[in-house]
Amino acid sequence: GLREYGYQNRMAANEKIKRYYDQSFRVIRFSKGELVYVFNLAFVSGFGRKLTPRWLGPFEVVWVGGTGA
């Protein structure tokens, strides 16, 4: 019926959105000892954004979790 038709359309739209997102997403693995920059969350808050650096660092990776992050 109409409800099933709407459900199928929603599932198809969700799959299309997922495919589009997955094209630009990539998994980044870090290794112990690498130098990395960290996004500055103070930049997001909007306070003094003109003078606030977007990235902090470089910092050395001292520990890697089970997911590589």
N, C-alpha and C. Protein backbone atom coordinates (compact mmCIF):
# COMPACT_ATOMS: atom_id res chain seq x y z
N GLY A 1 0.80 -1.18 0.00
CA GLY A 1 0.00 0.00 0.00
C GLY A 1 0.85 1.26 0.00
N LEU A 2 0.22 2.32 0.31
CA LEU A 2 0.86 3.63 0.30
C LEU A 2 1.96 3.72 1.36
N ARG A 3 1.70 3.14 2.52
CA ARG A 3 2.70 3.17 3.59
C ARG A 3 3.97 2.41 3.17
N GLU A 4 3.80 1.27 2.56
CA GLU A 4 4.95 0.48 2.08
C GLU A 4 5.71 1.23 1.00
N TYR A 5 5.01 1.90 0.13
CA TYR A 5 5.64 2.70 -0.92
C TYR A 5 6.50 3.82 -0.31
N GLY A 6 5.97 4.50 0.69
CA GLY A 6 6.71 5.55 1.37
C GLY A 6 7.94 5.00 2.08
N TYR A 7 7.79 3.83 2.71
CA TYR A 7 8.90 3.20 3.40
C TYR A 7 10.02 2.85 2.42
N GLN A 8 9.65 2.27 1.28
CA GLN A 8 10.66 1.90 0.27
C GLN A 8 11.38 3.13 -0.27
N ASN A 9 10.65 4.21 -0.50
CA ASN A 9 11.28 5.45 -0.97
C ASN A 9 12.26 6.00 0.06
N ARG A 10 11.88 5.94 1.34
CA ARG A 10 12.77 6.43 2.40
C ARG A 10 14.05 5.59 2.48
N MET A 11 13.91 4.27 2.37
CA MET A 11 15.08 3.39 2.42
C MET A 11 16.01 3.65 1.23
N ALA A 12 15.43 3.87 0.06
CA ALA A 12 16.23 4.17 -1.13
C ALA A 12 16.95 5.50 -0.97
N ALA A 13 16.28 6.49 -0.40
CA ALA A 13 16.90 7.80 -0.18
C ALA A 13 18.03 7.68 0.83
N ASN A 14 17.82 6.91 1.90
CA ASN A 14 18.87 6.71 2.90
C ASN A 14 20.11 6.06 2.29
N GLU A 15 19.90 5.09 1.43
CA GLU A 15 21.02 4.40 0.78
C GLU A 15 21.78 5.35 -0.14
N LYS A 16 21.06 6.21 -0.83
CA LYS A 16 21.69 7.18 -1.72
C LYS A 16 22.53 8.18 -0.92
N ILE A 17 22.01 8.65 0.21
CA ILE A 17 22.74 9.57 1.07
C ILE A 17 24.00 8.90 1.62
N LYS A 18 23.89 7.64 2.02
CA LYS A 18 25.04 6.91 2.55
C LYS A 18 26.12 6.75 1.49
N ARG A 19 25.75 6.41 0.27
CA ARG A 19 26.74 6.26 -0.81
C ARG A 19 27.46 7.58 -1.06
N TYR A 20 26.72 8.68 -1.06
CA TYR A 20 27.31 10.00 -1.29
C TYR A 20 28.29 10.35 -0.18
N TYR A 21 27.91 10.09 1.07
CA TYR A 21 28.79 10.37 2.21
C TYR A 21 30.04 9.51 2.16
N ASP A 22 29.88 8.22 1.88
CA ASP A 22 31.01 7.29 1.89
C ASP A 22 32.05 7.62 0.82
N GLN A 23 31.68 8.36 -0.22
CA GLN A 23 32.64 8.73 -1.25
C GLN A 23 33.72 9.66 -0.70
N SER A 24 33.36 10.53 0.24
CA SER A 24 34.31 11.52 0.74
C SER A 24 34.92 11.12 2.08
N PHE A 25 34.41 10.09 2.71
CA PHE A 25 34.90 9.69 4.03
C PHE A 25 36.05 8.72 3.88
N ARG A 26 37.12 8.94 4.64
CA ARG A 26 38.20 7.97 4.64
C ARG A 26 38.69 7.77 6.07
N VAL A 27 39.08 6.56 6.37
CA VAL A 27 39.55 6.21 7.70
C VAL A 27 41.02 6.59 7.80
N ILE A 28 41.38 7.30 8.85
CA ILE A 28 42.76 7.71 9.06
C ILE A 28 43.30 6.95 10.27
N ARG A 29 44.39 6.24 10.08
CA ARG A 29 45.03 5.50 11.16
C ARG A 29 46.24 6.28 11.64
N PHE A 30 46.41 6.37 12.94
CA PHE A 30 47.56 7.05 13.52
C PHE A 30 48.51 6.02 14.09
N SER A 31 49.80 6.36 14.08
CA SER A 31 50.82 5.49 14.66
C SER A 31 51.52 6.23 15.79
N LYS A 32 51.97 5.48 16.77
CA LYS A 32 52.68 6.06 17.90
C LYS A 32 53.93 6.77 17.38
N GLY A 33 54.13 8.01 17.84
CA GLY A 33 55.30 8.78 17.43
C GLY A 33 55.04 9.77 16.31
N GLU A 34 53.91 9.65 15.63
CA GLU A 34 53.56 10.59 14.56
C GLU A 34 53.26 11.97 15.14
N LEU A 35 53.48 13.00 14.35
CA LEU A 35 53.10 14.35 14.74
C LEU A 35 51.77 14.69 14.08
N VAL A 36 50.84 15.20 14.87
CA VAL A 36 49.50 15.49 14.37
C VAL A 36 49.05 16.86 14.85
N TYR A 37 48.14 17.46 14.12
CA TYR A 37 47.47 18.69 14.54
C TYR A 37 46.09 18.32 15.06
N VAL A 38 45.60 19.11 16.02
CA VAL A 38 44.30 18.87 16.64
C VAL A 38 43.42 20.08 16.36
N PHE A 39 42.16 19.84 15.95
CA PHE A 39 41.24 20.93 15.67
C PHE A 39 40.94 21.68 16.96
N ASN A 40 40.99 22.98 16.91
CA ASN A 40 40.78 23.85 18.07
C ASN A 40 39.28 24.06 18.28
N LEU A 41 38.72 23.48 19.33
CA LEU A 41 37.29 23.61 19.59
C LEU A 41 36.89 25.02 19.97
N ALA A 42 37.84 25.83 20.44
CA ALA A 42 37.54 27.23 20.74
C ALA A 42 37.18 27.98 19.46
N PHE A 43 37.68 27.52 18.32
CA PHE A 43 37.36 28.13 17.04
C PHE A 43 35.88 27.96 16.71
N VAL A 44 35.31 26.83 17.08
CA VAL A 44 33.90 26.53 16.79
C VAL A 44 32.97 27.44 17.57
N SER A 45 33.34 27.78 18.80
CA SER A 45 32.45 28.56 19.66
C SER A 45 32.19 29.96 19.11
N GLY A 46 33.08 30.45 18.24
CA GLY A 46 32.84 31.73 17.61
C GLY A 46 33.42 32.92 18.35
N PHE A 47 34.04 32.70 19.50
CA PHE A 47 34.60 33.81 20.27
C PHE A 47 35.95 34.20 19.68
N GLY A 48 36.04 35.38 19.10
CA GLY A 48 37.30 35.85 18.53
C GLY A 48 37.80 34.99 17.39
N ARG A 49 36.92 34.57 16.52
CA ARG A 49 37.30 33.63 15.47
C ARG A 49 38.36 34.18 14.53
N LYS A 50 38.42 35.47 14.34
CA LYS A 50 39.40 36.03 13.41
C LYS A 50 40.83 35.74 13.85
N LEU A 51 41.06 35.77 15.15
CA LEU A 51 42.41 35.62 15.66
C LEU A 51 42.69 34.24 16.26
N THR A 52 41.68 33.40 16.35
CA THR A 52 41.85 32.08 16.95
C THR A 52 42.38 31.11 15.90
N PRO A 53 43.47 30.41 16.21
CA PRO A 53 43.98 29.43 15.25
C PRO A 53 43.01 28.25 15.12
N ARG A 54 42.86 27.74 13.91
CA ARG A 54 41.94 26.61 13.68
C ARG A 54 42.52 25.31 14.21
N TRP A 55 43.83 25.18 14.15
CA TRP A 55 44.50 23.94 14.53
C TRP A 55 45.53 24.21 15.60
N LEU A 56 45.69 23.27 16.52
CA LEU A 56 46.70 23.34 17.57
C LEU A 56 47.73 22.24 17.33
N GLY A 57 48.97 22.52 17.66
CA GLY A 57 49.97 21.47 17.53
C GLY A 57 51.19 21.98 16.83
N PRO A 58 52.05 21.10 16.41
CA PRO A 58 51.87 19.64 16.34
C PRO A 58 52.06 18.96 17.69
N PHE A 59 51.32 17.87 17.87
CA PHE A 59 51.44 17.03 19.06
C PHE A 59 51.91 15.65 18.63
N GLU A 60 52.66 14.99 19.51
CA GLU A 60 53.13 13.64 19.22
C GLU A 60 52.09 12.64 19.72
N VAL A 61 51.80 11.63 18.91
CA VAL A 61 50.88 10.57 19.30
C VAL A 61 51.63 9.67 20.28
N VAL A 62 51.11 9.54 21.50
CA VAL A 62 51.77 8.73 22.52
C VAL A 62 51.03 7.42 22.78
N TRP A 63 49.78 7.33 22.33
CA TRP A 63 48.98 6.13 22.55
C TRP A 63 47.96 6.01 21.43
N VAL A 64 47.75 4.80 20.95
CA VAL A 64 46.76 4.56 19.90
C VAL A 64 45.73 3.59 20.44
N GLY A 65 44.45 3.98 20.38
CA GLY A 65 43.37 3.13 20.86
C GLY A 65 43.10 1.96 19.93
N GLY A 66 42.15 1.14 20.30
CA GLY A 66 41.82 -0.05 19.53
C GLY A 66 41.29 0.25 18.14
N THR A 67 40.70 1.43 17.94
CA THR A 67 40.16 1.78 16.62
C THR A 67 41.16 2.56 15.79
N GLY A 68 42.36 2.78 16.32
CA GLY A 68 43.37 3.53 15.58
C GLY A 68 43.30 5.02 15.80
N ALA A 69 42.41 5.46 16.67
CA ALA A 69 42.26 6.90 16.92
C ALA A 69 42.86 7.26 18.27
